[in-house]
Amino acid sequence: MLMNELTIKQVDGYNTVIYPYYADTEVIRGSILILHGMAEHHAR
């Protein structure tokens, strides 16, 4: 899987960092979106 880090700057100045994972195949059969609480972090 390929992973990049993307940062989205919010209007209040807060930066939201997302880590999308992309499949190595040409045929994509679906997608999954995982959201977690604001007190958590991506490495947990």
PDB file of N, CA and C in Angstrom:
ATOM      1  N   MET A   1       0.827  -1.182   0.000  1.00  0.00           N
ATOM      2  CA  MET A   1       0.000   0.000   0.000  1.00  0.00           C
ATOM      3  C   MET A   1       0.871   1.244   0.000  1.00  0.00           C
ATOM      4  N   LEU A   2       0.417   2.236  -0.670  1.00  0.00           N
ATOM      5  CA  LEU A   2       1.113   3.514  -0.719  1.00  0.00           C
ATOM      6  C   LEU A   2       0.470   4.466   0.287  1.00  0.00           C
ATOM      7  N   MET A   3       1.277   5.245   0.986  1.00  0.00           N
ATOM      8  CA  MET A   3       0.763   6.185   1.973  1.00  0.00           C
ATOM      9  C   MET A   3       1.418   7.544   1.781  1.00  0.00           C
ATOM     10  N   ASN A   4       0.615   8.562   1.859  1.00  0.00           N
ATOM     11  CA  ASN A   4       1.099   9.944   1.842  1.00  0.00           C
ATOM     12  C   ASN A   4       0.509  10.664   3.038  1.00  0.00           C
ATOM     13  N   GLU A   5       1.142  11.753   3.439  1.00  0.00           N
ATOM     14  CA  GLU A   5       0.591  12.590   4.500  1.00  0.00           C
ATOM     15  C   GLU A   5       0.054  13.853   3.858  1.00  0.00           C
ATOM     16  N   LEU A   6      -1.194  14.174   4.143  1.00  0.00           N
ATOM     17  CA  LEU A   6      -1.811  15.392   3.630  1.00  0.00           C
ATOM     18  C   LEU A   6      -2.223  16.268   4.798  1.00  0.00           C
ATOM     19  N   THR A   7      -2.015  17.576   4.687  1.00  0.00           N
ATOM     20  CA  THR A   7      -2.395  18.516   5.732  1.00  0.00           C
ATOM     21  C   THR A   7      -3.444  19.471   5.174  1.00  0.00           C
ATOM     22  N   ILE A   8      -4.535  19.612   5.915  1.00  0.00           N
ATOM     23  CA  ILE A   8      -5.609  20.523   5.531  1.00  0.00           C
ATOM     24  C   ILE A   8      -5.660  21.627   6.583  1.00  0.00           C
ATOM     25  N   LYS A   9      -5.463  22.874   6.157  1.00  0.00           N
ATOM     26  CA  LYS A   9      -5.518  24.000   7.095  1.00  0.00           C
ATOM     27  C   LYS A   9      -6.967  24.464   7.216  1.00  0.00           C
ATOM     28  N   GLN A  10      -7.475  24.472   8.455  1.00  0.00           N
ATOM     29  CA  GLN A  10      -8.851  24.877   8.723  1.00  0.00           C
ATOM     30  C   GLN A  10      -8.941  26.401   8.827  1.00  0.00           C
ATOM     31  N   VAL A  11     -10.155  26.928   8.740  1.00  0.00           N
ATOM     32  CA  VAL A  11     -10.335  28.379   8.790  1.00  0.00           C
ATOM     33  C   VAL A  11      -9.940  28.960  10.149  1.00  0.00           C
ATOM     34  N   ASP A  12      -9.969  28.138  11.218  1.00  0.00           N
ATOM     35  CA  ASP A  12      -9.575  28.632  12.537  1.00  0.00           C
ATOM     36  C   ASP A  12      -8.076  28.503  12.779  1.00  0.00           C
ATOM     37  N   GLY A  13      -7.316  28.099  11.750  1.00  0.00           N
ATOM     38  CA  GLY A  13      -5.871  27.990  11.864  1.00  0.00           C
ATOM     39  C   GLY A  13      -5.374  26.612  12.255  1.00  0.00           C
ATOM     40  N   TYR A  14      -6.279  25.718  12.647  1.00  0.00           N
ATOM     41  CA  TYR A  14      -5.898  24.357  13.036  1.00  0.00           C
ATOM     42  C   TYR A  14      -5.553  23.542  11.797  1.00  0.00           C
ATOM     43  N   ASN A  15      -4.507  22.741  11.876  1.00  0.00           N
ATOM     44  CA  ASN A  15      -4.126  21.868  10.772  1.00  0.00           C
ATOM     45  C   ASN A  15      -4.628  20.450  11.035  1.00  0.00           C
ATOM     46  N   THR A  16      -5.365  19.902  10.084  1.00  0.00           N
ATOM     47  CA  THR A  16      -5.820  18.523  10.151  1.00  0.00           C
ATOM     48  C   THR A  16      -4.904  17.702   9.264  1.00  0.00           C
ATOM     49  N   VAL A  17      -4.272  16.677   9.832  1.00  0.00           N
ATOM     50  CA  VAL A  17      -3.366  15.816   9.079  1.00  0.00           C
ATOM     51  C   VAL A  17      -4.084  14.510   8.795  1.00  0.00           C
ATOM     52  N   ILE A  18      -4.083  14.083   7.535  1.00  0.00           N
ATOM     53  CA  ILE A  18      -4.695  12.815   7.164  1.00  0.00           C
ATOM     54  C   ILE A  18      -3.644  11.932   6.507  1.00  0.00           C
ATOM     55  N   TYR A  19      -3.822  10.639   6.648  1.00  0.00           N
ATOM     56  CA  TYR A  19      -2.898   9.650   6.100  1.00  0.00           C
ATOM     57  C   TYR A  19      -3.668   8.686   5.201  1.00  0.00           C
ATOM     58  N   PRO A  20      -3.875   9.046   3.944  1.00  0.00           N
ATOM     59  CA  PRO A  20      -4.587   8.124   3.057  1.00  0.00           C
ATOM     60  C   PRO A  20      -3.683   6.965   2.623  1.00  0.00           C
ATOM     61  N   TYR A  21      -4.239   5.786   2.557  1.00  0.00           N
ATOM     62  CA  TYR A  21      -3.541   4.601   2.061  1.00  0.00           C
ATOM     63  C   TYR A  21      -4.150   4.232   0.718  1.00  0.00           C
ATOM     64  N   TYR A  22      -3.318   3.988  -0.258  1.00  0.00           N
ATOM     65  CA  TYR A  22      -3.778   3.654  -1.602  1.00  0.00           C
ATOM     66  C   TYR A  22      -3.368   2.229  -1.935  1.00  0.00           C
ATOM     67  N   ALA A  23      -4.268   1.497  -2.573  1.00  0.00           N
ATOM     68  CA  ALA A  23      -3.989   0.114  -2.958  1.00  0.00           C
ATOM     69  C   ALA A  23      -2.970   0.079  -4.093  1.00  0.00           C
ATOM     70  N   ASP A  24      -2.174  -0.998  -4.123  1.00  0.00           N
ATOM     71  CA  ASP A  24      -1.186  -1.179  -5.178  1.00  0.00           C
ATOM     72  C   ASP A  24      -1.787  -1.765  -6.452  1.00  0.00           C
ATOM     73  N   THR A  25      -3.076  -2.087  -6.439  1.00  0.00           N
ATOM     74  CA  THR A  25      -3.715  -2.707  -7.598  1.00  0.00           C
ATOM     75  C   THR A  25      -4.458  -1.663  -8.422  1.00  0.00           C
ATOM     76  N   GLU A  26      -4.764  -2.021  -9.650  1.00  0.00           N
ATOM     77  CA  GLU A  26      -5.502  -1.105 -10.523  1.00  0.00           C
ATOM     78  C   GLU A  26      -7.002  -1.155 -10.263  1.00  0.00           C
ATOM     79  N   VAL A  27      -7.510  -2.315  -9.855  1.00  0.00           N
ATOM     80  CA  VAL A  27      -8.942  -2.465  -9.605  1.00  0.00           C
ATOM     81  C   VAL A  27      -9.213  -2.221  -8.124  1.00  0.00           C
ATOM     82  N   ILE A  28      -9.983  -1.187  -7.839  1.00  0.00           N
ATOM     83  CA  ILE A  28     -10.345  -0.873  -6.462  1.00  0.00           C
ATOM     84  C   ILE A  28     -11.800  -1.286  -6.267  1.00  0.00           C
ATOM     85  N   ARG A  29     -12.050  -2.097  -5.245  1.00  0.00           N
ATOM     86  CA  ARG A  29     -13.378  -2.654  -5.031  1.00  0.00           C
ATOM     87  C   ARG A  29     -14.175  -1.909  -3.973  1.00  0.00           C
ATOM     88  N   GLY A  30     -13.579  -0.979  -3.273  1.00  0.00           N
ATOM     89  CA  GLY A  30     -14.299  -0.240  -2.245  1.00  0.00           C
ATOM     90  C   GLY A  30     -13.364   0.678  -1.499  1.00  0.00           C
ATOM     91  N   SER A  31     -13.894   1.337  -0.494  1.00  0.00           N
ATOM     92  CA  SER A  31     -13.071   2.217   0.331  1.00  0.00           C
ATOM     93  C   SER A  31     -13.526   2.119   1.780  1.00  0.00           C
ATOM     94  N   ILE A  32     -12.616   2.453   2.697  1.00  0.00           N
ATOM     95  CA  ILE A  32     -12.900   2.439   4.132  1.00  0.00           C
ATOM     96  C   ILE A  32     -12.445   3.775   4.699  1.00  0.00           C
ATOM     97  N   LEU A  33     -13.280   4.384   5.511  1.00  0.00           N
ATOM     98  CA  LEU A  33     -12.947   5.641   6.177  1.00  0.00           C
ATOM     99  C   LEU A  33     -12.971   5.384   7.677  1.00  0.00           C
ATOM    100  N   ILE A  34     -11.847   5.651   8.355  1.00  0.00           N
ATOM    101  CA  ILE A  34     -11.756   5.451   9.796  1.00  0.00           C
ATOM    102  C   ILE A  34     -11.589   6.816  10.459  1.00  0.00           C
ATOM    103  N   LEU A  35     -12.486   7.146  11.367  1.00  0.00           N
ATOM    104  CA  LEU A  35     -12.425   8.387  12.143  1.00  0.00           C
ATOM    105  C   LEU A  35     -12.299   8.021  13.612  1.00  0.00           C
ATOM    106  N   HIS A  36     -11.555   8.813  14.355  1.00  0.00           N
ATOM    107  CA  HIS A  36     -11.425   8.542  15.780  1.00  0.00           C
ATOM    108  C   HIS A  36     -11.526   9.840  16.554  1.00  0.00           C
ATOM    109  N   GLY A  37     -11.541   9.735  17.866  1.00  0.00           N
ATOM    110  CA  GLY A  37     -11.727  10.902  18.734  1.00  0.00           C
ATOM    111  C   GLY A  37     -10.599  11.912  18.625  1.00  0.00           C
ATOM    112  N   MET A  38     -10.879  13.117  19.036  1.00  0.00           N
ATOM    113  CA  MET A  38      -9.906  14.204  18.924  1.00  0.00           C
ATOM    114  C   MET A  38      -8.748  14.058  19.892  1.00  0.00           C
ATOM    115  N   ALA A  39      -8.923  13.280  20.962  1.00  0.00           N
ATOM    116  CA  ALA A  39      -7.840  13.113  21.943  1.00  0.00           C
ATOM    117  C   ALA A  39      -6.866  12.012  21.537  1.00  0.00           C
ATOM    118  N   GLU A  40      -7.172  11.291  20.482  1.00  0.00           N
ATOM    119  CA  GLU A  40      -6.317  10.201  20.026  1.00  0.00           C
ATOM    120  C   GLU A  40      -5.295  10.727  19.009  1.00  0.00           C
ATOM    121  N   HIS A  41      -4.357   9.863  18.629  1.00  0.00           N
ATOM    122  CA  HIS A  41      -3.397  10.216  17.598  1.00  0.00           C
ATOM    123  C   HIS A  41      -3.228   9.043  16.649  1.00  0.00           C
ATOM    124  N   HIS A  42      -2.636   9.296  15.487  1.00  0.00           N
ATOM    125  CA  HIS A  42      -2.584   8.301  14.413  1.00  0.00           C
ATOM    126  C   HIS A  42      -1.702   7.096  14.746  1.00  0.00           C
ATOM    127  N   ALA A  43      -0.762   7.237  15.638  1.00  0.00           N
ATOM    128  CA  ALA A  43       0.172   6.145  15.921  1.00  0.00           C
ATOM    129  C   ALA A  43      -0.371   5.160  16.963  1.00  0.00           C
ATOM    130  N   ARG A  44      -1.537   5.407  17.472  1.00  0.00           N
ATOM    131  CA  ARG A  44      -2.091   4.552  18.522  1.00  0.00           C
ATOM    132  C   ARG A  44      -2.690   3.290  17.982  1.00  0.00           C
TER     133      ARG A  44
END
